[in-house]
C-alpha atoms as a PDB file:
ATOM      1  CA  MET A   1     -21.582 -15.703 -25.175  1.00  0.00           C
ATOM      2  CA  THR A   2     -20.732 -14.463 -21.700  1.00  0.00           C
ATOM      3  CA  GLU A   3     -17.195 -13.813 -20.543  1.00  0.00           C
ATOM      4  CA  ARG A   4     -15.427 -16.793 -19.010  1.00  0.00           C
ATOM      5  CA  HIS A   5     -13.045 -14.621 -16.977  1.00  0.00           C
ATOM      6  CA  GLU A   6     -12.579 -11.148 -15.562  1.00  0.00           C
ATOM      7  CA  VAL A   7      -9.312  -9.483 -14.539  1.00  0.00           C
ATOM      8  CA  HIS A   8      -8.742  -6.505 -12.268  1.00  0.00           C
ATOM      9  CA  LYS A   9      -5.350  -4.741 -12.160  1.00  0.00           C
ATOM     10  CA  GLU A  10      -4.628  -1.757  -9.933  1.00  0.00           C
ATOM     11  CA  THR A  11      -1.717   0.165  -8.467  1.00  0.00           C
ATOM     12  CA  LEU A  12      -2.294   1.076  -4.834  1.00  0.00           C
ATOM     13  CA  SER A  13      -1.309   4.386  -3.233  1.00  0.00           C
ATOM     14  CA  ASN A  14       1.823   2.823  -1.699  1.00  0.00           C
ATOM     15  CA  GLY A  15       2.984   1.610  -5.127  1.00  0.00           C
ATOM     16  CA  CYS A  16       2.016  -2.036  -4.690  1.00  0.00           C
ATOM     17  CA  LYS A  17       0.271  -3.620  -7.653  1.00  0.00           C
ATOM     18  CA  ILE A  18      -2.590  -6.070  -7.425  1.00  0.00           C
ATOM     19  CA  GLN A  19      -3.989  -8.428 -10.028  1.00  0.00           C
ATOM     20  CA  VAL A  20      -7.088 -10.534  -9.437  1.00  0.00           C
ATOM     21  CA  LYS A  21      -8.564 -12.960 -11.967  1.00  0.00           C
ATOM     22  CA  ALA A  22     -11.861 -14.798 -11.624  1.00  0.00           C
ATOM     23  CA  GLU A  23     -12.340 -17.537 -14.203  1.00  0.00           C
ATOM     24  CA  ILE A  24     -15.063 -20.057 -14.891  1.00  0.00           C
ATOM     25  CA  LEU A  25     -13.416 -23.368 -15.734  1.00  0.00           C
ATOM     26  CA  ARG A  26     -14.710 -25.911 -18.256  1.00  0.00           C
ATOM     27  CA  ASP A  27     -16.348 -27.944 -15.510  1.00  0.00           C
ATOM     28  CA  GLY A  28     -18.291 -24.855 -14.404  1.00  0.00           C
ATOM     29  CA  SER A  29     -16.290 -24.303 -11.230  1.00  0.00           C
ATOM     30  CA  LEU A  30     -14.817 -20.930 -10.336  1.00  0.00           C
ATOM     31  CA  GLU A  31     -11.100 -20.272  -9.911  1.00  0.00           C
ATOM     32  CA  LEU A  32      -9.876 -17.114  -8.225  1.00  0.00           C
ATOM     33  CA  LEU A  33      -6.247 -16.043  -8.618  1.00  0.00           C
ATOM     34  CA  ILE A  34      -4.867 -13.278  -6.410  1.00  0.00           C
ATOM     35  CA  GLY A  35      -1.505 -11.567  -6.942  1.00  0.00           C
ATOM     36  CA  VAL A  36       0.076  -8.784  -4.898  1.00  0.00           C
ATOM     37  CA  TYR A  37       3.430  -7.300  -5.946  1.00  0.00           C
ATOM     38  CA  ARG A  38       5.871  -4.688  -4.663  1.00  0.00           C
ATOM     39  CA  PRO A  39       6.547  -1.659  -6.884  1.00  0.00           C
ATOM     40  CA  ASP A  40       9.678  -3.408  -8.225  1.00  0.00           C
ATOM     41  CA  GLY A  41       7.580  -6.436  -9.236  1.00  0.00           C
ATOM     42  CA  THR A  42       8.685  -8.859  -6.535  1.00  0.00           C
ATOM     43  CA  VAL A  43       5.961 -11.112  -5.243  1.00  0.00           C
ATOM     44  CA  ILE A  44       4.298 -10.403  -1.920  1.00  0.00           C
ATOM     45  CA  PHE A  45       1.533 -12.945  -2.449  1.00  0.00           C
ATOM     46  CA  GLU A  46       0.396 -15.171  -5.298  1.00  0.00           C
ATOM     47  CA  GLY A  47      -2.179 -17.856  -4.963  1.00  0.00           C
ATOM     48  CA  HIS A  48      -5.629 -19.110  -5.660  1.00  0.00           C
ATOM     49  CA  ASP A  49      -8.441 -19.158  -3.183  1.00  0.00           C
ATOM     50  CA  PRO A  50     -11.168 -21.795  -3.393  1.00  0.00           C
ATOM     51  CA  ARG A  51     -13.380 -20.197  -0.720  1.00  0.00           C
ATOM     52  CA  PRO A  52     -15.620 -18.101  -3.001  1.00  0.00           C
ATOM     53  CA  HIS A  53     -16.850 -21.195  -4.879  1.00  0.00           C
ATOM     54  CA  LEU A  54     -20.481 -20.380  -4.030  1.00  0.00           C
ATOM     55  CA  LEU A  55     -20.227 -16.829  -5.400  1.00  0.00           C
ATOM     56  CA  ASP A  56     -20.807 -15.746  -8.986  1.00  0.00           C
ATOM     57  CA  MET A  57     -17.820 -14.493 -10.976  1.00  0.00           C
ATOM     58  CA  GLU A  58     -18.374 -10.775 -10.296  1.00  0.00           C
ATOM     59  CA  ALA A  59     -18.869 -11.269  -6.540  1.00  0.00           C
ATOM     60  CA  ALA A  60     -15.784 -13.500  -6.356  1.00  0.00           C
ATOM     61  CA  LEU A  61     -13.740 -10.880  -8.213  1.00  0.00           C
ATOM     62  CA  ASP A  62     -14.882  -8.169  -5.780  1.00  0.00           C
ATOM     63  CA  TRP A  63     -14.060 -10.421  -2.831  1.00  0.00           C
ATOM     64  CA  GLY A  64     -10.589 -11.152  -4.239  1.00  0.00           C
ATOM     65  CA  ILE A  65      -9.937  -7.441  -4.831  1.00  0.00           C
ATOM     66  CA  ASP A  66     -10.722  -6.737  -1.173  1.00  0.00           C
ATOM     67  CA  ILE A  67      -8.301  -9.479  -0.078  1.00  0.00           C
ATOM     68  CA  ALA A  68      -5.554  -8.220  -2.409  1.00  0.00           C
ATOM     69  CA  LYS A  69      -6.006  -4.608  -1.293  1.00  0.00           C
ATOM     70  CA  GLY A  70      -5.819  -5.665   2.346  1.00  0.00           C
ATOM     71  CA  ILE A  71      -2.507  -7.446   1.748  1.00  0.00           C
ATOM     72  CA  GLY A  72      -1.093  -4.688  -0.488  1.00  0.00           C
ATOM     73  CA  ASN A  73      -2.133  -1.770   1.678  1.00  0.00           C
ATOM     74  CA  SER A  74      -0.491  -3.359   4.722  1.00  0.00           C
ATOM     75  CA  GLN A  75       2.927  -3.128   3.042  1.00  0.00           C
ATOM     76  CA  ARG A  76       5.383  -0.299   3.670  1.00  0.00           C
ATOM     77  CA  THR A  77       6.955   0.223   0.291  1.00  0.00           C
ATOM     78  CA  LEU A  78       7.386   3.932  -0.455  1.00  0.00           C
END
């Protein structure tokens, strides 16, 4: 059985944390959740993005990581 979801968690150089989850739902569609947080845990961005619906799970996860890093790295937190 293949995995139905993949999660990527990372702390960026400025202390922001990102979490991206790509999940295949029961109907076969793909859901992508993107979270970006300050070092103290407060939310910078949380949401799902339906745009990568034509991508496979791994490609969608990579795409979401790029989005999350772009948001996180633009923050001045340290």
